[in-house]
Amino acid sequence: MPDFTNKVALITGAARGQGRETALALAKEGAAVVAFDVGVKIAYPAYSQAADAELESLRAEIEALGGRCLAAVGDVRDDAAVTAAVEAAVAAFGKIDILFNNAGICAYAEADRMTDEEWDAMIDINLKGPFNVARRVIPHLKEQKSGVIINNSSVMGLRGGRRLSHYVASKWGLTGLTKAWAIELAPWNIRVVSIHPTGVNTPMNDGLAALEGKTPTEIAEASAGNLQPVPWIEPEDVAQLVLYLASDRARYATGSQFVLDAGLLSV
């Protein structure tokens, strides 16, 4: 396994799912973790988001492993909260080496029935949110002339999807940001990549299913189309990809898209 001793990772959407598993995986390999999550119910989508207690339980779990964790509550849409979290991270740990832009939402809506509020929330959280966080982290990466930004896009950042136009637009936008930032930041030895998972077994999956009046398995089997005989992948699978991309073993990977799709994009 890669050694992340003396590395500092900022993870958004850290309290649950892919973010939580990645935070734990990095901490187990020696990284100090800054765990950022919203901590309250937001208006859209209608399923529940992570609560403060889940963020605190992550901090306690990391510390029980002998690791270091700073828990920061905030919305990626709120520049003041993002700025405060980044400043607190640098004050606590001296630097930031890894940014995992993981926070995001998903919901279904037909294009001709979608409201302005639904469109705006999706774009603001999934696309503007990563921009908000990155623009506050990048100056610190430039100062130390090193670092990696990993953007959690989706298979839908490389293809289309029914009743997901706002989600697809946000994830394609994040793919584009990845390429633009990779070009812009290369002179400072800062790498930028995006990952593109198929459906992942997380509380978001459960929430989407509840909104549709179906089980998570029914939603996954109807929408995924994975070649491998699984309805979804696990958060741990995503975490292991992030660990590789954040490590020196991926030192020449930048501007690229890394797919973890159980074969979905092969058809």
C-alpha atoms as a PDB file:
ATOM      1  CA  MET A   1       0.000   0.000   0.000  1.00  0.00           C
ATOM      2  CA  PRO A   2       1.152   3.593  -0.582  1.00  0.00           C
ATOM      3  CA  ASP A   3       2.454   5.459   2.446  1.00  0.00           C
ATOM      4  CA  PHE A   4       0.673   8.728   3.206  1.00  0.00           C
ATOM      5  CA  THR A   5       2.628   9.589   6.337  1.00  0.00           C
ATOM      6  CA  ASN A   6       2.943  13.383   6.627  1.00  0.00           C
ATOM      7  CA  LYS A   7       0.288  13.903   3.930  1.00  0.00           C
ATOM      8  CA  VAL A   8      -2.885  15.919   4.529  1.00  0.00           C
ATOM      9  CA  ALA A   9      -6.112  15.167   2.674  1.00  0.00           C
ATOM     10  CA  LEU A  10      -9.224  17.341   2.470  1.00  0.00           C
ATOM     11  CA  ILE A  11     -12.322  15.317   1.614  1.00  0.00           C
ATOM     12  CA  THR A  12     -15.730  16.833   0.908  1.00  0.00           C
ATOM     13  CA  GLY A  13     -18.860  14.797   1.506  1.00  0.00           C
ATOM     14  CA  ALA A  14     -16.796  12.869   4.026  1.00  0.00           C
ATOM     15  CA  ALA A  15     -19.393  11.711   6.539  1.00  0.00           C
ATOM     16  CA  ARG A  16     -20.939   8.927   4.456  1.00  0.00           C
ATOM     17  CA  GLY A  17     -20.383   6.570   1.574  1.00  0.00           C
ATOM     18  CA  GLN A  18     -17.446   7.081  -0.755  1.00  0.00           C
ATOM     19  CA  GLY A  19     -16.079  10.029   1.198  1.00  0.00           C
ATOM     20  CA  ARG A  20     -16.117   8.208   4.521  1.00  0.00           C
ATOM     21  CA  GLU A  21     -14.446   5.072   3.182  1.00  0.00           C
ATOM     22  CA  THR A  22     -11.778   7.165   1.469  1.00  0.00           C
ATOM     23  CA  ALA A  23     -11.140   9.139   4.657  1.00  0.00           C
ATOM     24  CA  LEU A  24     -10.694   5.931   6.633  1.00  0.00           C
ATOM     25  CA  ALA A  25      -8.472   4.372   3.977  1.00  0.00           C
ATOM     26  CA  LEU A  26      -6.188   7.412   3.837  1.00  0.00           C
ATOM     27  CA  ALA A  27      -6.036   7.661   7.625  1.00  0.00           C
ATOM     28  CA  LYS A  28      -5.061   3.995   7.912  1.00  0.00           C
ATOM     29  CA  GLU A  29      -2.120   4.717   5.611  1.00  0.00           C
ATOM     30  CA  GLY A  30      -0.925   7.653   7.693  1.00  0.00           C
ATOM     31  CA  ALA A  31      -2.652  10.721   6.240  1.00  0.00           C
ATOM     32  CA  ALA A  32      -4.154  13.459   8.361  1.00  0.00           C
ATOM     33  CA  VAL A  33      -7.759  13.937   7.228  1.00  0.00           C
ATOM     34  CA  VAL A  34      -9.868  17.069   7.015  1.00  0.00           C
ATOM     35  CA  ALA A  35     -13.448  15.800   6.792  1.00  0.00           C
ATOM     36  CA  PHE A  36     -15.900  18.347   5.378  1.00  0.00           C
ATOM     37  CA  ASP A  37     -19.653  17.725   5.175  1.00  0.00           C
ATOM     38  CA  VAL A  38     -22.891  19.675   5.200  1.00  0.00           C
ATOM     39  CA  GLY A  39     -24.232  18.326   8.505  1.00  0.00           C
ATOM     40  CA  VAL A  40     -27.836  19.468   7.950  1.00  0.00           C
ATOM     41  CA  LYS A  41     -30.808  18.628   5.741  1.00  0.00           C
ATOM     42  CA  ILE A  42     -30.767  20.632   2.522  1.00  0.00           C
ATOM     43  CA  ALA A  43     -33.826  21.504   0.489  1.00  0.00           C
ATOM     44  CA  TYR A  44     -33.003  19.411  -2.593  1.00  0.00           C
ATOM     45  CA  PRO A  45     -32.930  16.503  -3.089  1.00  0.00           C
ATOM     46  CA  ALA A  46     -35.553  15.234  -0.665  1.00  0.00           C
ATOM     47  CA  TYR A  47     -33.577  12.334   0.782  1.00  0.00           C
ATOM     48  CA  SER A  48     -31.533  12.837   3.960  1.00  0.00           C
ATOM     49  CA  GLN A  49     -27.950  14.048   4.003  1.00  0.00           C
ATOM     50  CA  ALA A  50     -25.227  13.308   6.535  1.00  0.00           C
ATOM     51  CA  ALA A  51     -25.728  14.687  10.042  1.00  0.00           C
ATOM     52  CA  ASP A  52     -23.163  16.257  12.356  1.00  0.00           C
ATOM     53  CA  ALA A  53     -23.147  13.061  14.409  1.00  0.00           C
ATOM     54  CA  GLU A  54     -21.892  11.044  11.426  1.00  0.00           C
ATOM     55  CA  LEU A  55     -19.058  13.478  10.835  1.00  0.00           C
ATOM     56  CA  GLU A  56     -18.105  13.314  14.500  1.00  0.00           C
ATOM     57  CA  SER A  57     -18.260   9.529  14.470  1.00  0.00           C
ATOM     58  CA  LEU A  58     -15.842   9.521  11.530  1.00  0.00           C
ATOM     59  CA  ARG A  59     -13.463  11.754  13.459  1.00  0.00           C
ATOM     60  CA  ALA A  60     -13.698   9.462  16.487  1.00  0.00           C
ATOM     61  CA  GLU A  61     -13.137   6.364  14.354  1.00  0.00           C
ATOM     62  CA  ILE A  62     -10.025   7.843  12.741  1.00  0.00           C
ATOM     63  CA  GLU A  63      -8.639   8.931  16.097  1.00  0.00           C
ATOM     64  CA  ALA A  64      -9.328   5.467  17.537  1.00  0.00           C
ATOM     65  CA  LEU A  65      -7.095   4.121  14.760  1.00  0.00           C
ATOM     66  CA  GLY A  66      -4.332   6.440  15.922  1.00  0.00           C
ATOM     67  CA  GLY A  67      -4.929   8.908  13.113  1.00  0.00           C
ATOM     68  CA  ARG A  68      -5.520  12.642  12.962  1.00  0.00           C
ATOM     69  CA  CYS A  69      -8.808  14.157  11.807  1.00  0.00           C
ATOM     70  CA  LEU A  70     -10.292  17.632  11.712  1.00  0.00           C
ATOM     71  CA  ALA A  71     -14.078  17.670  11.222  1.00  0.00           C
ATOM     72  CA  ALA A  72     -15.502  20.744   9.480  1.00  0.00           C
ATOM     73  CA  VAL A  73     -19.204  21.378   8.917  1.00  0.00           C
ATOM     74  CA  GLY A  74     -20.229  23.378   5.874  1.00  0.00           C
ATOM     75  CA  ASP A  75     -21.901  23.468   2.485  1.00  0.00           C
ATOM     76  CA  VAL A  76     -19.660  23.424  -0.605  1.00  0.00           C
ATOM     77  CA  ARG A  77     -21.879  26.192  -1.995  1.00  0.00           C
ATOM     78  CA  ASP A  78     -20.898  28.456   0.915  1.00  0.00           C
ATOM     79  CA  ASP A  79     -17.578  30.091   0.126  1.00  0.00           C
ATOM     80  CA  ALA A  80     -17.182  31.424   3.663  1.00  0.00           C
ATOM     81  CA  ALA A  81     -17.572  27.938   5.129  1.00  0.00           C
ATOM     82  CA  VAL A  82     -15.178  26.461   2.567  1.00  0.00           C
ATOM     83  CA  THR A  83     -12.586  29.170   3.213  1.00  0.00           C
ATOM     84  CA  ALA A  84     -12.853  28.653   6.972  1.00  0.00           C
ATOM     85  CA  ALA A  85     -12.361  24.898   6.594  1.00  0.00           C
ATOM     86  CA  VAL A  86      -9.288  25.311   4.387  1.00  0.00           C
ATOM     87  CA  GLU A  87      -7.768  27.859   6.756  1.00  0.00           C
ATOM     88  CA  ALA A  88      -8.476  25.579   9.730  1.00  0.00           C
ATOM     89  CA  ALA A  89      -6.842  22.662   7.914  1.00  0.00           C
ATOM     90  CA  VAL A  90      -3.671  24.628   7.219  1.00  0.00           C
ATOM     91  CA  ALA A  91      -3.599  25.950  10.784  1.00  0.00           C
ATOM     92  CA  ALA A  92      -3.996  22.444  12.228  1.00  0.00           C
ATOM     93  CA  PHE A  93      -1.748  20.466   9.888  1.00  0.00           C
ATOM     94  CA  GLY A  94       0.415  23.043   8.123  1.00  0.00           C
ATOM     95  CA  LYS A  95      -0.620  22.212   4.560  1.00  0.00           C
ATOM     96  CA  ILE A  96      -2.968  20.340   2.233  1.00  0.00           C
ATOM     97  CA  ASP A  97      -1.582  17.740  -0.184  1.00  0.00           C
ATOM     98  CA  ILE A  98      -4.699  15.982  -1.483  1.00  0.00           C
ATOM     99  CA  LEU A  99      -8.151  17.305  -2.328  1.00  0.00           C
ATOM    100  CA  PHE A 100     -10.887  14.752  -2.961  1.00  0.00           C
ATOM    101  CA  ASN A 101     -13.828  16.696  -4.379  1.00  0.00           C
ATOM    102  CA  ASN A 102     -16.433  14.099  -3.483  1.00  0.00           C
ATOM    103  CA  ALA A 103     -19.524  15.960  -2.264  1.00  0.00           C
ATOM    104  CA  GLY A 104     -22.456  15.670  -4.635  1.00  0.00           C
ATOM    105  CA  ILE A 105     -26.127  14.937  -5.089  1.00  0.00           C
ATOM    106  CA  CYS A 106     -28.255  13.037  -7.585  1.00  0.00           C
ATOM    107  CA  ALA A 107     -31.965  13.085  -8.365  1.00  0.00           C
ATOM    108  CA  TYR A 108     -34.267  12.284 -11.260  1.00  0.00           C
ATOM    109  CA  ALA A 109     -36.235  14.886 -13.212  1.00  0.00           C
ATOM    110  CA  GLU A 110     -37.615  15.078 -16.740  1.00  0.00           C
ATOM    111  CA  ALA A 111     -36.137  17.999 -18.656  1.00  0.00           C
ATOM    112  CA  ASP A 112     -39.469  19.659 -19.421  1.00  0.00           C
ATOM    113  CA  ARG A 113     -40.673  19.324 -15.820  1.00  0.00           C
ATOM    114  CA  MET A 114     -37.486  20.334 -14.055  1.00  0.00           C
ATOM    115  CA  THR A 115     -37.691  23.463 -11.936  1.00  0.00           C
ATOM    116  CA  ASP A 116     -35.116  26.235 -11.779  1.00  0.00           C
ATOM    117  CA  GLU A 117     -34.490  25.280  -8.159  1.00  0.00           C
ATOM    118  CA  GLU A 118     -33.717  21.665  -9.080  1.00  0.00           C
ATOM    119  CA  TRP A 119     -31.363  22.662 -11.886  1.00  0.00           C
ATOM    120  CA  ASP A 120     -29.593  25.296  -9.798  1.00  0.00           C
ATOM    121  CA  ALA A 121     -29.100  23.017  -6.784  1.00  0.00           C
ATOM    122  CA  MET A 122     -27.605  20.249  -8.919  1.00  0.00           C
ATOM    123  CA  ILE A 123     -25.190  22.545 -10.750  1.00  0.00           C
ATOM    124  CA  ASP A 124     -24.285  24.535  -7.642  1.00  0.00           C
ATOM    125  CA  ILE A 125     -23.446  21.476  -5.515  1.00  0.00           C
ATOM    126  CA  ASN A 126     -21.940  19.162  -8.131  1.00  0.00           C
ATOM    127  CA  LEU A 127     -20.037  21.698 -10.239  1.00  0.00           C
ATOM    128  CA  LYS A 128     -19.725  25.036  -8.492  1.00  0.00           C
ATOM    129  CA  GLY A 129     -19.028  23.248  -5.194  1.00  0.00           C
ATOM    130  CA  PRO A 130     -15.826  21.579  -6.422  1.00  0.00           C
ATOM    131  CA  PHE A 131     -14.779  24.900  -7.959  1.00  0.00           C
ATOM    132  CA  ASN A 132     -15.382  26.689  -4.645  1.00  0.00           C
ATOM    133  CA  VAL A 133     -13.242  24.215  -2.740  1.00  0.00           C
ATOM    134  CA  ALA A 134     -10.464  23.951  -5.314  1.00  0.00           C
ATOM    135  CA  ARG A 135      -9.969  27.697  -5.682  1.00  0.00           C
ATOM    136  CA  ARG A 136      -9.337  27.961  -1.923  1.00  0.00           C
ATOM    137  CA  VAL A 137      -6.996  24.951  -1.852  1.00  0.00           C
ATOM    138  CA  ILE A 138      -5.012  25.682  -5.028  1.00  0.00           C
ATOM    139  CA  PRO A 139      -3.015  28.638  -3.608  1.00  0.00           C
ATOM    140  CA  HIS A 140      -1.637  26.335  -0.901  1.00  0.00           C
ATOM    141  CA  LEU A 141      -0.744  23.668  -3.459  1.00  0.00           C
ATOM    142  CA  LYS A 142       0.968  26.282  -5.624  1.00  0.00           C
ATOM    143  CA  GLU A 143       2.967  27.549  -2.667  1.00  0.00           C
ATOM    144  CA  GLN A 144       4.373  24.095  -1.953  1.00  0.00           C
ATOM    145  CA  LYS A 145       4.642  23.245  -5.676  1.00  0.00           C
ATOM    146  CA  SER A 146       2.936  19.890  -5.294  1.00  0.00           C
ATOM    147  CA  GLY A 147      -0.414  18.251  -4.741  1.00  0.00           C
ATOM    148  CA  VAL A 148      -3.234  16.314  -6.351  1.00  0.00           C
ATOM    149  CA  ILE A 149      -6.896  17.099  -6.912  1.00  0.00           C
ATOM    150  CA  ILE A 150      -9.227  14.151  -7.493  1.00  0.00           C
ATOM    151  CA  ASN A 151     -12.698  15.031  -8.746  1.00  0.00           C
ATOM    152  CA  ASN A 152     -15.439  12.465  -8.206  1.00  0.00           C
ATOM    153  CA  SER A 153     -17.424  12.631 -11.426  1.00  0.00           C
ATOM    154  CA  SER A 154     -19.480   9.616 -12.574  1.00  0.00           C
ATOM    155  CA  VAL A 155     -20.005   7.347 -15.534  1.00  0.00           C
ATOM    156  CA  MET A 156     -22.591  10.016 -16.327  1.00  0.00           C
ATOM    157  CA  GLY A 157     -19.689  12.416 -16.785  1.00  0.00           C
ATOM    158  CA  LEU A 158     -18.789  10.368 -19.863  1.00  0.00           C
ATOM    159  CA  ARG A 159     -22.238   9.418 -21.237  1.00  0.00           C
ATOM    160  CA  GLY A 160     -25.893  10.445 -21.043  1.00  0.00           C
ATOM    161  CA  GLY A 161     -28.690   9.294 -18.782  1.00  0.00           C
ATOM    162  CA  ARG A 162     -32.477   9.270 -18.848  1.00  0.00           C
ATOM    163  CA  ARG A 163     -34.178  11.813 -16.528  1.00  0.00           C
ATOM    164  CA  LEU A 164     -30.753  12.984 -15.386  1.00  0.00           C
ATOM    165  CA  SER A 165     -29.963  15.942 -17.633  1.00  0.00           C
ATOM    166  CA  HIS A 166     -29.046  18.266 -14.762  1.00  0.00           C
ATOM    167  CA  TYR A 167     -26.906  15.567 -13.135  1.00  0.00           C
ATOM    168  CA  VAL A 168     -25.229  14.643 -16.417  1.00  0.00           C
ATOM    169  CA  ALA A 169     -24.494  18.309 -17.175  1.00  0.00           C
ATOM    170  CA  SER A 170     -22.902  18.776 -13.755  1.00  0.00           C
ATOM    171  CA  LYS A 171     -20.707  15.696 -14.085  1.00  0.00           C
ATOM    172  CA  TRP A 172     -19.597  16.473 -17.660  1.00  0.00           C
ATOM    173  CA  GLY A 173     -18.741  19.946 -16.387  1.00  0.00           C
ATOM    174  CA  LEU A 174     -16.601  18.412 -13.656  1.00  0.00           C
ATOM    175  CA  THR A 175     -14.802  16.294 -16.255  1.00  0.00           C
ATOM    176  CA  GLY A 176     -14.070  19.474 -18.199  1.00  0.00           C
ATOM    177  CA  LEU A 177     -12.828  21.284 -15.107  1.00  0.00           C
ATOM    178  CA  THR A 178     -10.449  18.396 -14.493  1.00  0.00           C
ATOM    179  CA  LYS A 179      -8.839  18.796 -17.903  1.00  0.00           C
ATOM    180  CA  ALA A 180      -8.652  22.575 -17.667  1.00  0.00           C
ATOM    181  CA  TRP A 181      -7.124  22.542 -14.192  1.00  0.00           C
ATOM    182  CA  ALA A 182      -4.593  19.874 -15.189  1.00  0.00           C
ATOM    183  CA  ILE A 183      -3.295  22.153 -17.934  1.00  0.00           C
ATOM    184  CA  GLU A 184      -3.334  25.259 -15.769  1.00  0.00           C
ATOM    185  CA  LEU A 185      -1.679  23.721 -12.702  1.00  0.00           C
ATOM    186  CA  ALA A 186       0.961  21.489 -14.287  1.00  0.00           C
ATOM    187  CA  PRO A 187       3.706  24.148 -13.968  1.00  0.00           C
ATOM    188  CA  TRP A 188       3.348  23.869 -10.167  1.00  0.00           C
ATOM    189  CA  ASN A 189       3.577  20.051 -10.214  1.00  0.00           C
ATOM    190  CA  ILE A 190      -0.095  19.786  -9.267  1.00  0.00           C
ATOM    191  CA  ARG A 191      -1.941  16.832 -10.756  1.00  0.00           C
ATOM    192  CA  VAL A 192      -5.681  16.803 -11.442  1.00  0.00           C
ATOM    193  CA  VAL A 193      -7.690  13.697 -12.363  1.00  0.00           C
ATOM    194  CA  SER A 194     -11.317  12.599 -12.328  1.00  0.00           C
ATOM    195  CA  ILE A 195     -12.851   9.273 -11.372  1.00  0.00           C
ATOM    196  CA  HIS A 196     -15.988   7.826 -12.923  1.00  0.00           C
ATOM    197  CA  PRO A 197     -17.740   5.165 -10.858  1.00  0.00           C
ATOM    198  CA  THR A 198     -20.861   3.290 -11.852  1.00  0.00           C
ATOM    199  CA  GLY A 199     -23.575   3.124  -9.171  1.00  0.00           C
ATOM    200  CA  VAL A 200     -22.150   2.802  -5.669  1.00  0.00           C
ATOM    201  CA  ASN A 201     -23.755   1.160  -2.650  1.00  0.00           C
ATOM    202  CA  THR A 202     -24.227   4.251  -0.476  1.00  0.00           C
ATOM    203  CA  PRO A 203     -27.041   5.963   1.467  1.00  0.00           C
ATOM    204  CA  MET A 204     -27.589   8.186  -1.603  1.00  0.00           C
ATOM    205  CA  ASN A 205     -28.569   5.075  -3.523  1.00  0.00           C
ATOM    206  CA  ASP A 206     -31.094   4.250  -0.808  1.00  0.00           C
ATOM    207  CA  GLY A 207     -32.460   7.793  -0.869  1.00  0.00           C
ATOM    208  CA  LEU A 208     -32.928   7.822  -4.643  1.00  0.00           C
ATOM    209  CA  ALA A 209     -34.760   4.511  -4.471  1.00  0.00           C
ATOM    210  CA  ALA A 210     -37.102   5.776  -1.762  1.00  0.00           C
ATOM    211  CA  LEU A 211     -37.991   8.825  -3.866  1.00  0.00           C
ATOM    212  CA  GLU A 212     -38.826   6.528  -6.772  1.00  0.00           C
ATOM    213  CA  GLY A 213     -40.846   4.112  -4.632  1.00  0.00           C
ATOM    214  CA  LYS A 214     -38.488   1.246  -5.460  1.00  0.00           C
ATOM    215  CA  THR A 215     -35.777  -0.768  -3.772  1.00  0.00           C
ATOM    216  CA  PRO A 216     -32.121   0.198  -4.270  1.00  0.00           C
ATOM    217  CA  THR A 217     -31.539  -3.025  -6.195  1.00  0.00           C
ATOM    218  CA  GLU A 218     -34.431  -2.287  -8.567  1.00  0.00           C
ATOM    219  CA  ILE A 219     -33.058   1.185  -9.259  1.00  0.00           C
ATOM    220  CA  ALA A 220     -29.538  -0.124  -9.829  1.00  0.00           C
ATOM    221  CA  GLU A 221     -30.566  -2.992 -12.074  1.00  0.00           C
ATOM    222  CA  ALA A 222     -32.825  -0.751 -14.163  1.00  0.00           C
ATOM    223  CA  SER A 223     -30.282   2.012 -14.710  1.00  0.00           C
ATOM    224  CA  ALA A 224     -26.767   0.648 -14.433  1.00  0.00           C
ATOM    225  CA  GLY A 225     -26.272  -1.847 -17.260  1.00  0.00           C
ATOM    226  CA  ASN A 226     -23.035  -3.161 -15.745  1.00  0.00           C
ATOM    227  CA  LEU A 227     -21.375  -5.931 -17.735  1.00  0.00           C
ATOM    228  CA  GLN A 228     -20.162  -7.623 -14.601  1.00  0.00           C
ATOM    229  CA  PRO A 229     -23.037  -9.270 -12.712  1.00  0.00           C
ATOM    230  CA  VAL A 230     -23.278  -6.748  -9.882  1.00  0.00           C
ATOM    231  CA  PRO A 231     -25.924  -4.049  -9.320  1.00  0.00           C
ATOM    232  CA  TRP A 232     -23.301  -1.653  -7.956  1.00  0.00           C
ATOM    233  CA  ILE A 233     -19.785  -1.373  -6.621  1.00  0.00           C
ATOM    234  CA  GLU A 234     -18.826  -0.695  -3.008  1.00  0.00           C
ATOM    235  CA  PRO A 235     -17.449   2.530  -1.458  1.00  0.00           C
ATOM    236  CA  GLU A 236     -14.262   0.632  -0.607  1.00  0.00           C
ATOM    237  CA  ASP A 237     -13.654   0.096  -4.335  1.00  0.00           C
ATOM    238  CA  VAL A 238     -13.731   3.833  -4.915  1.00  0.00           C
ATOM    239  CA  ALA A 239     -11.485   4.455  -1.914  1.00  0.00           C
ATOM    240  CA  GLN A 240      -8.801   2.139  -3.264  1.00  0.00           C
ATOM    241  CA  LEU A 241      -8.788   3.936  -6.621  1.00  0.00           C
ATOM    242  CA  VAL A 242      -8.448   7.293  -4.864  1.00  0.00           C
ATOM    243  CA  LEU A 243      -5.540   5.979  -2.789  1.00  0.00           C
ATOM    244  CA  TYR A 244      -3.723   4.913  -5.930  1.00  0.00           C
ATOM    245  CA  LEU A 245      -4.327   8.202  -7.733  1.00  0.00           C
ATOM    246  CA  ALA A 246      -3.282  10.247  -4.710  1.00  0.00           C
ATOM    247  CA  SER A 247      -0.048   8.305  -4.335  1.00  0.00           C
ATOM    248  CA  ASP A 248       3.320   8.717  -5.983  1.00  0.00           C
ATOM    249  CA  ARG A 249       2.607   5.548  -7.955  1.00  0.00           C
ATOM    250  CA  ALA A 250       0.322   7.707 -10.119  1.00  0.00           C
ATOM    251  CA  ARG A 251       2.818  10.572 -10.345  1.00  0.00           C
ATOM    252  CA  TYR A 252       2.437  10.931 -14.109  1.00  0.00           C
ATOM    253  CA  ALA A 253      -1.358  10.733 -14.172  1.00  0.00           C
ATOM    254  CA  THR A 254      -2.952  14.114 -14.788  1.00  0.00           C
ATOM    255  CA  GLY A 255      -5.815  15.417 -16.891  1.00  0.00           C
ATOM    256  CA  SER A 256      -7.101  11.852 -17.214  1.00  0.00           C
ATOM    257  CA  GLN A 257     -10.362  10.072 -16.479  1.00  0.00           C
ATOM    258  CA  PHE A 258     -10.290   6.842 -14.477  1.00  0.00           C
ATOM    259  CA  VAL A 259     -13.286   4.571 -14.903  1.00  0.00           C
ATOM    260  CA  LEU A 260     -14.557   2.141 -12.273  1.00  0.00           C
ATOM    261  CA  ASP A 261     -17.705   1.017 -14.019  1.00  0.00           C
ATOM    262  CA  ALA A 262     -18.026  -2.801 -13.886  1.00  0.00           C
ATOM    263  CA  GLY A 263     -17.986  -2.626 -17.689  1.00  0.00           C
ATOM    264  CA  LEU A 264     -20.897  -0.207 -18.120  1.00  0.00           C
ATOM    265  CA  LEU A 265     -19.127   2.076 -20.586  1.00  0.00           C
ATOM    266  CA  SER A 266     -18.075  -0.859 -22.762  1.00  0.00           C
ATOM    267  CA  VAL A 267     -21.588  -1.175 -24.227  1.00  0.00           C
END
